[in-house]
Amino acid sequence: MRILHTADWHAGRPLHGADRTPEVRAALQELAAMAISEKVDAVVVAGDVFDSRNPSADAEDAVYDFFLRTGEAGIPSIVIAGNHDSPARFDAVASVLKLTKVHTVGSFRPAGQGGLLQLDLAAGRLQVAALPFLSERRMIDADALLHKDLGAQRDTYREVMRKLVQNLTAGFDHTSVNVLAMHTTFEGATLANSEYAFHCTSSYTVPASIVPASANYVALGHIHKPQAVEGLPENKARYSGSPLQLDFGEVGDAKYALLVEAEPGKPSTVTPLP
């Protein structure tokens, strides 16, 4: 199975007053053409599709043009919300986007309520455990869905994240390609310094041990510099990074989408596509 992993588009992001939507649109058109030419079976977008919770019409048009292109080519997409996205907006358009083969998860959902997506593709079954970005407030709400006891919620961020991952991935099995999609910061990640720093601090980091052995691949968003995760095999979990330089600190940085080739029960291979 061939999966295109991308993230952190930040459509609508200006640079010192300059509108960069035309650049984002061109990058997304290139990504759509790449998905088609590489004959991928699915696209995973690991959050921060937009740069703000109320994106401009032009930014939305650039993003929806990508999904129209890939959907018309018969390629499904799985999209989770990042810290810059509006979970409510994602959930509001979810039914409409399904018409173009786009499956969105804005707010956290337990595995049995839409958090574990199952797609039967020509290449086999794909399972995606979808974990959008969670602030501390949203994390308490998410944990309450599992335990129904807000008053007893005293766990740390990473402890709750571990429980949520366990819930979403409990249905992973050896007959499917199993992907965990997350928008979060792993310990040891190298920032590009164009991220929102508050949500990348130690209070919002998770350890490599949170990743279950049953996952073929972990598609990560949130960190704009492409990289693997410390403590895991290089092709087990990757940040795709942003598809274009988002700030002056990224001048000269190579930008990629990641082509993931996965089989049930086997390690994945990952090829960066500039």
C-alpha atoms as a PDB file:
ATOM      1  CA  MET A   1       0.000   0.000   0.000  1.00  0.00           C
ATOM      2  CA  ARG A   2       1.274   3.454  -0.953  1.00  0.00           C
ATOM      3  CA  ILE A   3       0.422   6.401   1.296  1.00  0.00           C
ATOM      4  CA  LEU A   4       1.350  10.056   0.817  1.00  0.00           C
ATOM      5  CA  HIS A   5       2.004  11.717   4.178  1.00  0.00           C
ATOM      6  CA  THR A   6       1.900  15.501   4.388  1.00  0.00           C
ATOM      7  CA  ALA A   7       1.077  18.086   7.062  1.00  0.00           C
ATOM      8  CA  ASP A   8       1.340  21.700   8.183  1.00  0.00           C
ATOM      9  CA  TRP A   9       0.075  23.402   5.063  1.00  0.00           C
ATOM     10  CA  HIS A  10      -0.866  26.549   7.039  1.00  0.00           C
ATOM     11  CA  ALA A  11      -3.054  27.845   4.220  1.00  0.00           C
ATOM     12  CA  GLY A  12      -3.797  31.520   4.797  1.00  0.00           C
ATOM     13  CA  ARG A  13      -0.556  32.288   6.610  1.00  0.00           C
ATOM     14  CA  PRO A  14       0.883  35.721   5.772  1.00  0.00           C
ATOM     15  CA  LEU A  15       4.546  36.669   5.991  1.00  0.00           C
ATOM     16  CA  HIS A  16       5.034  40.200   7.301  1.00  0.00           C
ATOM     17  CA  GLY A  17       1.841  41.309   5.602  1.00  0.00           C
ATOM     18  CA  ALA A  18       2.422  39.439   2.335  1.00  0.00           C
ATOM     19  CA  ASP A  19      -0.304  37.010   1.267  1.00  0.00           C
ATOM     20  CA  ARG A  20       1.288  33.643   0.567  1.00  0.00           C
ATOM     21  CA  THR A  21      -1.869  31.878  -0.586  1.00  0.00           C
ATOM     22  CA  PRO A  22      -0.662  31.727  -4.226  1.00  0.00           C
ATOM     23  CA  GLU A  23       2.473  29.886  -3.051  1.00  0.00           C
ATOM     24  CA  VAL A  24       0.435  27.510  -0.898  1.00  0.00           C
ATOM     25  CA  ARG A  25      -1.919  26.861  -3.807  1.00  0.00           C
ATOM     26  CA  ALA A  26       1.014  26.039  -6.103  1.00  0.00           C
ATOM     27  CA  ALA A  27       2.503  23.699  -3.488  1.00  0.00           C
ATOM     28  CA  LEU A  28      -0.820  21.906  -3.032  1.00  0.00           C
ATOM     29  CA  GLN A  29      -1.283  21.563  -6.779  1.00  0.00           C
ATOM     30  CA  GLU A  30       2.166  19.972  -6.917  1.00  0.00           C
ATOM     31  CA  LEU A  31       1.243  17.652  -4.021  1.00  0.00           C
ATOM     32  CA  ALA A  32      -1.964  16.583  -5.775  1.00  0.00           C
ATOM     33  CA  ALA A  33      -0.057  15.884  -8.995  1.00  0.00           C
ATOM     34  CA  MET A  34       2.481  13.912  -6.951  1.00  0.00           C
ATOM     35  CA  ALA A  35      -0.231  11.793  -5.346  1.00  0.00           C
ATOM     36  CA  ILE A  36      -1.637  10.976  -8.768  1.00  0.00           C
ATOM     37  CA  SER A  37       1.697  10.315 -10.512  1.00  0.00           C
ATOM     38  CA  GLU A  38       2.929   8.121  -7.646  1.00  0.00           C
ATOM     39  CA  LYS A  39      -0.323   6.143  -7.777  1.00  0.00           C
ATOM     40  CA  VAL A  40      -0.859   6.394  -4.026  1.00  0.00           C
ATOM     41  CA  ASP A  41      -3.722   4.554  -2.403  1.00  0.00           C
ATOM     42  CA  ALA A  42      -4.421   7.249   0.194  1.00  0.00           C
ATOM     43  CA  VAL A  43      -3.250  10.624   1.501  1.00  0.00           C
ATOM     44  CA  VAL A  44      -2.806  11.368   5.210  1.00  0.00           C
ATOM     45  CA  VAL A  45      -2.761  15.046   6.229  1.00  0.00           C
ATOM     46  CA  ALA A  46      -1.536  15.280   9.835  1.00  0.00           C
ATOM     47  CA  GLY A  47      -2.988  18.639  10.864  1.00  0.00           C
ATOM     48  CA  ASP A  48      -2.576  22.400  10.516  1.00  0.00           C
ATOM     49  CA  VAL A  49      -4.303  22.472   7.163  1.00  0.00           C
ATOM     50  CA  PHE A  50      -5.072  26.140   7.814  1.00  0.00           C
ATOM     51  CA  ASP A  51      -3.109  28.786   9.672  1.00  0.00           C
ATOM     52  CA  SER A  52      -6.079  30.123  11.604  1.00  0.00           C
ATOM     53  CA  ARG A  53      -9.451  28.976  12.848  1.00  0.00           C
ATOM     54  CA  ASN A  54     -11.164  31.415  10.493  1.00  0.00           C
ATOM     55  CA  PRO A  55      -9.234  31.076   7.219  1.00  0.00           C
ATOM     56  CA  SER A  56      -9.815  33.325   4.233  1.00  0.00           C
ATOM     57  CA  ALA A  57     -11.972  32.210   1.339  1.00  0.00           C
ATOM     58  CA  ASP A  58      -8.851  32.041  -0.854  1.00  0.00           C
ATOM     59  CA  ALA A  59      -7.133  29.748   1.636  1.00  0.00           C
ATOM     60  CA  GLU A  60     -10.168  27.460   1.749  1.00  0.00           C
ATOM     61  CA  ASP A  61     -10.362  27.445  -2.038  1.00  0.00           C
ATOM     62  CA  ALA A  62      -6.695  26.372  -2.313  1.00  0.00           C
ATOM     63  CA  VAL A  63      -7.222  23.528   0.159  1.00  0.00           C
ATOM     64  CA  TYR A  64     -10.504  22.298  -1.317  1.00  0.00           C
ATOM     65  CA  ASP A  65      -8.961  22.401  -4.801  1.00  0.00           C
ATOM     66  CA  PHE A  66      -6.393  19.841  -3.572  1.00  0.00           C
ATOM     67  CA  PHE A  67      -9.115  17.535  -2.281  1.00  0.00           C
ATOM     68  CA  LEU A  68     -11.136  17.910  -5.484  1.00  0.00           C
ATOM     69  CA  ARG A  69      -8.098  16.930  -7.573  1.00  0.00           C
ATOM     70  CA  THR A  70      -7.237  13.888  -5.472  1.00  0.00           C
ATOM     71  CA  GLY A  71     -10.876  12.893  -5.005  1.00  0.00           C
ATOM     72  CA  GLU A  72     -11.542  13.011  -8.739  1.00  0.00           C
ATOM     73  CA  ALA A  73      -8.508  10.724  -9.167  1.00  0.00           C
ATOM     74  CA  GLY A  74     -10.122   8.248  -6.763  1.00  0.00           C
ATOM     75  CA  ILE A  75      -7.620   8.873  -3.956  1.00  0.00           C
ATOM     76  CA  PRO A  76      -9.095   9.116  -0.449  1.00  0.00           C
ATOM     77  CA  SER A  77      -7.648  11.475   2.146  1.00  0.00           C
ATOM     78  CA  ILE A  78      -7.622  11.246   5.936  1.00  0.00           C
ATOM     79  CA  VAL A  79      -7.271  14.618   7.647  1.00  0.00           C
ATOM     80  CA  ILE A  80      -6.907  15.504  11.330  1.00  0.00           C
ATOM     81  CA  ALA A  81      -7.101  18.954  12.912  1.00  0.00           C
ATOM     82  CA  GLY A  82      -3.953  20.657  14.192  1.00  0.00           C
ATOM     83  CA  ASN A  83      -3.581  23.345  16.835  1.00  0.00           C
ATOM     84  CA  HIS A  84      -4.141  26.067  14.208  1.00  0.00           C
ATOM     85  CA  ASP A  85      -7.299  24.462  12.817  1.00  0.00           C
ATOM     86  CA  SER A  86     -10.856  24.750  14.085  1.00  0.00           C
ATOM     87  CA  PRO A  87     -12.073  21.294  15.146  1.00  0.00           C
ATOM     88  CA  ALA A  88     -15.666  22.511  14.907  1.00  0.00           C
ATOM     89  CA  ARG A  89     -15.208  23.709  11.309  1.00  0.00           C
ATOM     90  CA  PHE A  90     -13.623  20.390  10.365  1.00  0.00           C
ATOM     91  CA  ASP A  91     -16.508  18.464  11.875  1.00  0.00           C
ATOM     92  CA  ALA A  92     -19.078  20.782  10.274  1.00  0.00           C
ATOM     93  CA  VAL A  93     -17.861  20.075   6.727  1.00  0.00           C
ATOM     94  CA  ALA A  94     -17.054  16.391   7.293  1.00  0.00           C
ATOM     95  CA  SER A  95     -20.184  15.080   5.568  1.00  0.00           C
ATOM     96  CA  VAL A  96     -19.676  17.292   2.528  1.00  0.00           C
ATOM     97  CA  LEU A  97     -15.981  16.438   2.214  1.00  0.00           C
ATOM     98  CA  LYS A  98     -16.803  12.729   2.196  1.00  0.00           C
ATOM     99  CA  LEU A  99     -18.283  13.332  -1.262  1.00  0.00           C
ATOM    100  CA  THR A 100     -14.696  13.896  -2.435  1.00  0.00           C
ATOM    101  CA  LYS A 101     -13.348  10.894  -0.481  1.00  0.00           C
ATOM    102  CA  VAL A 102     -12.042  13.079   2.365  1.00  0.00           C
ATOM    103  CA  HIS A 103     -12.378  11.747   5.919  1.00  0.00           C
ATOM    104  CA  THR A 104     -11.862  14.457   8.544  1.00  0.00           C
ATOM    105  CA  VAL A 105     -11.492  14.199  12.307  1.00  0.00           C
ATOM    106  CA  GLY A 106     -11.659  17.602  13.979  1.00  0.00           C
ATOM    107  CA  SER A 107     -12.534  16.780  17.584  1.00  0.00           C
ATOM    108  CA  PHE A 108     -11.293  13.688  19.386  1.00  0.00           C
ATOM    109  CA  ARG A 109     -13.476  10.634  18.958  1.00  0.00           C
ATOM    110  CA  PRO A 110     -12.969   7.256  20.658  1.00  0.00           C
ATOM    111  CA  ALA A 111     -12.270   4.288  18.400  1.00  0.00           C
ATOM    112  CA  GLY A 112     -15.874   3.108  18.341  1.00  0.00           C
ATOM    113  CA  GLN A 113     -17.225   6.581  17.572  1.00  0.00           C
ATOM    114  CA  GLY A 114     -15.230   7.494  14.481  1.00  0.00           C
ATOM    115  CA  GLY A 115     -11.703   7.834  15.826  1.00  0.00           C
ATOM    116  CA  LEU A 116     -10.526   4.633  14.121  1.00  0.00           C
ATOM    117  CA  LEU A 117     -11.123   4.918  10.390  1.00  0.00           C
ATOM    118  CA  GLN A 118     -11.256   1.788   8.239  1.00  0.00           C
ATOM    119  CA  LEU A 119     -10.914   2.041   4.472  1.00  0.00           C
ATOM    120  CA  ASP A 120     -11.119  -0.984   2.186  1.00  0.00           C
ATOM    121  CA  LEU A 121      -8.843  -0.055  -0.707  1.00  0.00           C
ATOM    122  CA  ALA A 122      -7.727  -1.931  -3.803  1.00  0.00           C
ATOM    123  CA  ALA A 123      -4.384  -2.531  -2.064  1.00  0.00           C
ATOM    124  CA  GLY A 124      -6.049  -3.911   1.077  1.00  0.00           C
ATOM    125  CA  ARG A 125      -7.515  -2.600   4.299  1.00  0.00           C
ATOM    126  CA  LEU A 126      -6.156   0.616   5.796  1.00  0.00           C
ATOM    127  CA  GLN A 127      -6.849   1.499   9.420  1.00  0.00           C
ATOM    128  CA  VAL A 128      -6.056   5.011  10.599  1.00  0.00           C
ATOM    129  CA  ALA A 129      -6.179   5.899  14.283  1.00  0.00           C
ATOM    130  CA  ALA A 130      -6.891   9.627  14.084  1.00  0.00           C
ATOM    131  CA  LEU A 131      -5.693  11.748  17.010  1.00  0.00           C
ATOM    132  CA  PRO A 132      -6.087  15.490  16.350  1.00  0.00           C
ATOM    133  CA  PHE A 133      -4.253  18.086  18.418  1.00  0.00           C
ATOM    134  CA  LEU A 134      -5.537  18.375  21.960  1.00  0.00           C
ATOM    135  CA  SER A 135      -5.005  21.342  24.254  1.00  0.00           C
ATOM    136  CA  GLU A 136      -5.195  20.639  27.977  1.00  0.00           C
ATOM    137  CA  ARG A 137      -8.867  21.678  28.036  1.00  0.00           C
ATOM    138  CA  ARG A 138      -9.777  19.544  25.028  1.00  0.00           C
ATOM    139  CA  MET A 139      -7.749  16.686  26.465  1.00  0.00           C
ATOM    140  CA  ILE A 140      -9.907  16.659  29.601  1.00  0.00           C
ATOM    141  CA  ASP A 141     -12.991  16.620  27.374  1.00  0.00           C
ATOM    142  CA  ALA A 142     -11.529  13.738  25.365  1.00  0.00           C
ATOM    143  CA  ASP A 143     -10.627  11.734  28.448  1.00  0.00           C
ATOM    144  CA  ALA A 144     -14.129  12.285  29.785  1.00  0.00           C
ATOM    145  CA  LEU A 145     -15.471  10.488  26.713  1.00  0.00           C
ATOM    146  CA  LEU A 146     -13.566   7.434  27.918  1.00  0.00           C
ATOM    147  CA  HIS A 147     -14.199   7.723  31.659  1.00  0.00           C
ATOM    148  CA  LYS A 148     -17.196  10.038  32.157  1.00  0.00           C
ATOM    149  CA  ASP A 149     -15.597  11.509  35.286  1.00  0.00           C
ATOM    150  CA  LEU A 150     -14.275  15.046  34.944  1.00  0.00           C
ATOM    151  CA  GLY A 151     -13.801  15.483  38.688  1.00  0.00           C
ATOM    152  CA  ALA A 152     -11.308  12.627  38.903  1.00  0.00           C
ATOM    153  CA  GLN A 153      -9.201  13.873  35.985  1.00  0.00           C
ATOM    154  CA  ARG A 154      -5.735  14.516  37.419  1.00  0.00           C
ATOM    155  CA  ASP A 155      -3.513  12.787  34.895  1.00  0.00           C
ATOM    156  CA  THR A 156      -0.659  14.544  33.132  1.00  0.00           C
ATOM    157  CA  TYR A 157      -0.754  15.363  29.422  1.00  0.00           C
ATOM    158  CA  ARG A 158       1.370  12.416  28.380  1.00  0.00           C
ATOM    159  CA  GLU A 159      -0.514   9.946  30.568  1.00  0.00           C
ATOM    160  CA  VAL A 160      -3.801  10.944  28.999  1.00  0.00           C
ATOM    161  CA  MET A 161      -2.238  10.854  25.530  1.00  0.00           C
ATOM    162  CA  ARG A 162      -1.083   7.311  26.199  1.00  0.00           C
ATOM    163  CA  LYS A 163      -4.610   6.275  27.162  1.00  0.00           C
ATOM    164  CA  LEU A 164      -6.090   7.905  24.071  1.00  0.00           C
ATOM    165  CA  VAL A 165      -3.565   6.221  21.782  1.00  0.00           C
ATOM    166  CA  GLN A 166      -4.267   2.863  23.415  1.00  0.00           C
ATOM    167  CA  ASN A 167      -7.998   3.336  22.848  1.00  0.00           C
ATOM    168  CA  LEU A 168      -7.584   4.302  19.189  1.00  0.00           C
ATOM    169  CA  THR A 169      -5.083   1.568  18.311  1.00  0.00           C
ATOM    170  CA  ALA A 170      -6.627  -1.344  20.219  1.00  0.00           C
ATOM    171  CA  GLY A 171      -8.283  -2.472  16.973  1.00  0.00           C
ATOM    172  CA  PHE A 172      -5.028  -2.645  15.000  1.00  0.00           C
ATOM    173  CA  ASP A 173      -4.513  -6.160  13.637  1.00  0.00           C
ATOM    174  CA  HIS A 174      -2.054  -8.063  11.463  1.00  0.00           C
ATOM    175  CA  THR A 175      -4.402  -8.184   8.457  1.00  0.00           C
ATOM    176  CA  SER A 176      -4.451  -4.398   7.921  1.00  0.00           C
ATOM    177  CA  VAL A 177      -2.012  -1.585   7.285  1.00  0.00           C
ATOM    178  CA  ASN A 178      -2.208   0.321  10.565  1.00  0.00           C
ATOM    179  CA  VAL A 179      -1.418   4.041  10.658  1.00  0.00           C
ATOM    180  CA  LEU A 180      -1.496   6.326  13.689  1.00  0.00           C
ATOM    181  CA  ALA A 181      -1.988   9.973  12.671  1.00  0.00           C
ATOM    182  CA  MET A 182      -1.067  12.525  15.344  1.00  0.00           C
ATOM    183  CA  HIS A 183      -0.489  16.253  15.655  1.00  0.00           C
ATOM    184  CA  THR A 184       1.855  16.528  18.613  1.00  0.00           C
ATOM    185  CA  THR A 185       5.472  17.008  19.744  1.00  0.00           C
ATOM    186  CA  PHE A 186       7.627  13.991  20.538  1.00  0.00           C
ATOM    187  CA  GLU A 187      10.507  14.303  22.979  1.00  0.00           C
ATOM    188  CA  GLY A 188      13.713  15.352  21.240  1.00  0.00           C
ATOM    189  CA  ALA A 189      12.022  16.850  18.159  1.00  0.00           C
ATOM    190  CA  THR A 190      13.956  19.644  16.435  1.00  0.00           C
ATOM    191  CA  LEU A 191      11.802  22.692  15.808  1.00  0.00           C
ATOM    192  CA  ALA A 192      12.013  24.798  12.662  1.00  0.00           C
ATOM    193  CA  ASN A 193      11.187  27.819  14.877  1.00  0.00           C
ATOM    194  CA  SER A 194       8.163  28.727  12.783  1.00  0.00           C
ATOM    195  CA  GLU A 195       5.850  26.669  15.001  1.00  0.00           C
ATOM    196  CA  TYR A 196       3.627  28.102  17.736  1.00  0.00           C
ATOM    197  CA  ALA A 197       6.152  27.626  20.531  1.00  0.00           C
ATOM    198  CA  PHE A 198       3.713  27.311  23.444  1.00  0.00           C
ATOM    199  CA  HIS A 199       2.220  24.104  22.063  1.00  0.00           C
ATOM    200  CA  CYS A 200       5.705  22.617  21.520  1.00  0.00           C
ATOM    201  CA  THR A 201       7.006  22.969  25.100  1.00  0.00           C
ATOM    202  CA  SER A 202       7.752  20.104  27.479  1.00  0.00           C
ATOM    203  CA  SER A 203       4.193  20.355  28.822  1.00  0.00           C
ATOM    204  CA  TYR A 204       2.963  19.162  25.424  1.00  0.00           C
ATOM    205  CA  THR A 205       5.528  16.468  24.578  1.00  0.00           C
ATOM    206  CA  VAL A 206       5.051  12.707  24.461  1.00  0.00           C
ATOM    207  CA  PRO A 207       7.631   9.884  24.650  1.00  0.00           C
ATOM    208  CA  ALA A 208       8.449   7.417  21.881  1.00  0.00           C
ATOM    209  CA  SER A 209       7.081   4.625  24.080  1.00  0.00           C
ATOM    210  CA  ILE A 210       3.552   5.859  23.369  1.00  0.00           C
ATOM    211  CA  VAL A 211       3.738   4.274  19.898  1.00  0.00           C
ATOM    212  CA  PRO A 212       2.344   0.710  19.814  1.00  0.00           C
ATOM    213  CA  ALA A 213       4.257  -2.078  18.103  1.00  0.00           C
ATOM    214  CA  SER A 214       1.128  -2.827  16.040  1.00  0.00           C
ATOM    215  CA  ALA A 215       1.423   0.464  14.129  1.00  0.00           C
ATOM    216  CA  ASN A 216       3.029   0.118  10.701  1.00  0.00           C
ATOM    217  CA  TYR A 217       3.612   3.859  10.576  1.00  0.00           C
ATOM    218  CA  VAL A 218       2.973   7.034  12.577  1.00  0.00           C
ATOM    219  CA  ALA A 219       2.144  10.062  10.406  1.00  0.00           C
ATOM    220  CA  LEU A 220       3.045  13.170  12.366  1.00  0.00           C
ATOM    221  CA  GLY A 221       2.299  16.854  12.034  1.00  0.00           C
ATOM    222  CA  HIS A 222       3.078  19.925  14.181  1.00  0.00           C
ATOM    223  CA  ILE A 223       6.852  20.205  13.689  1.00  0.00           C
ATOM    224  CA  HIS A 224       7.770  21.935  10.445  1.00  0.00           C
ATOM    225  CA  LYS A 225      11.198  20.349  10.000  1.00  0.00           C
ATOM    226  CA  PRO A 226      11.095  16.856   8.402  1.00  0.00           C
ATOM    227  CA  GLN A 227      12.541  14.270  10.791  1.00  0.00           C
ATOM    228  CA  ALA A 228      12.205  10.886  12.424  1.00  0.00           C
ATOM    229  CA  VAL A 229      11.392  10.334  16.107  1.00  0.00           C
ATOM    230  CA  GLU A 230      14.173   9.666  18.599  1.00  0.00           C
ATOM    231  CA  GLY A 231      13.941   6.201  20.113  1.00  0.00           C
ATOM    232  CA  LEU A 232      12.051   4.622  17.203  1.00  0.00           C
ATOM    233  CA  PRO A 233      13.213   2.997  13.946  1.00  0.00           C
ATOM    234  CA  GLU A 234      13.714   5.708  11.333  1.00  0.00           C
ATOM    235  CA  ASN A 235      10.724   4.691   9.200  1.00  0.00           C
ATOM    236  CA  LYS A 236       8.357   3.918  12.073  1.00  0.00           C
ATOM    237  CA  ALA A 237       7.298   7.500  12.799  1.00  0.00           C
ATOM    238  CA  ARG A 238       8.051  10.644  10.809  1.00  0.00           C
ATOM    239  CA  TYR A 239       7.271  14.331  10.669  1.00  0.00           C
ATOM    240  CA  SER A 240       6.681  15.241   7.043  1.00  0.00           C
ATOM    241  CA  GLY A 241       7.307  18.912   7.820  1.00  0.00           C
ATOM    242  CA  SER A 242       5.635  21.802   6.034  1.00  0.00           C
ATOM    243  CA  PRO A 243       5.477  21.678   2.210  1.00  0.00           C
ATOM    244  CA  LEU A 244       7.065  25.113   1.825  1.00  0.00           C
ATOM    245  CA  GLN A 245       9.228  27.457   3.896  1.00  0.00           C
ATOM    246  CA  LEU A 246       6.910  29.255   6.302  1.00  0.00           C
ATOM    247  CA  ASP A 247       9.304  31.855   7.703  1.00  0.00           C
ATOM    248  CA  PHE A 248      12.771  33.321   7.169  1.00  0.00           C
ATOM    249  CA  GLY A 249      14.224  30.826   9.615  1.00  0.00           C
ATOM    250  CA  GLU A 250      13.463  28.080   7.098  1.00  0.00           C
ATOM    251  CA  VAL A 251      15.341  29.625   4.168  1.00  0.00           C
ATOM    252  CA  GLY A 252      17.265  26.850   2.451  1.00  0.00           C
ATOM    253  CA  ASP A 253      15.463  24.054   4.304  1.00  0.00           C
ATOM    254  CA  ALA A 254      14.531  21.102   2.123  1.00  0.00           C
ATOM    255  CA  LYS A 255      10.799  20.441   2.031  1.00  0.00           C
ATOM    256  CA  TYR A 256       9.127  17.101   1.363  1.00  0.00           C
ATOM    257  CA  ALA A 257       6.082  14.970   1.262  1.00  0.00           C
ATOM    258  CA  LEU A 258       6.695  11.395   2.384  1.00  0.00           C
ATOM    259  CA  LEU A 259       5.811   8.332   0.328  1.00  0.00           C
ATOM    260  CA  VAL A 260       5.101   5.485   2.732  1.00  0.00           C
ATOM    261  CA  GLU A 261       5.027   1.923   1.417  1.00  0.00           C
ATOM    262  CA  ALA A 262       3.449  -0.425   3.930  1.00  0.00           C
ATOM    263  CA  GLU A 263       2.347  -4.044   4.213  1.00  0.00           C
ATOM    264  CA  PRO A 264       0.465  -5.703   7.063  1.00  0.00           C
ATOM    265  CA  GLY A 265       2.832  -7.042   9.697  1.00  0.00           C
ATOM    266  CA  LYS A 266       5.980  -5.649   8.067  1.00  0.00           C
ATOM    267  CA  PRO A 267       8.168  -2.549   8.616  1.00  0.00           C
ATOM    268  CA  SER A 268       7.355   0.335   6.319  1.00  0.00           C
ATOM    269  CA  THR A 269       9.681   2.073   3.902  1.00  0.00           C
ATOM    270  CA  VAL A 270       9.600   5.860   3.595  1.00  0.00           C
ATOM    271  CA  THR A 271      10.845   7.885   0.621  1.00  0.00           C
ATOM    272  CA  PRO A 272      11.063  11.696   0.805  1.00  0.00           C
ATOM    273  CA  LEU A 273       9.587  13.381  -2.271  1.00  0.00           C
ATOM    274  CA  PRO A 274      10.909  16.960  -2.635  1.00  0.00           C
END
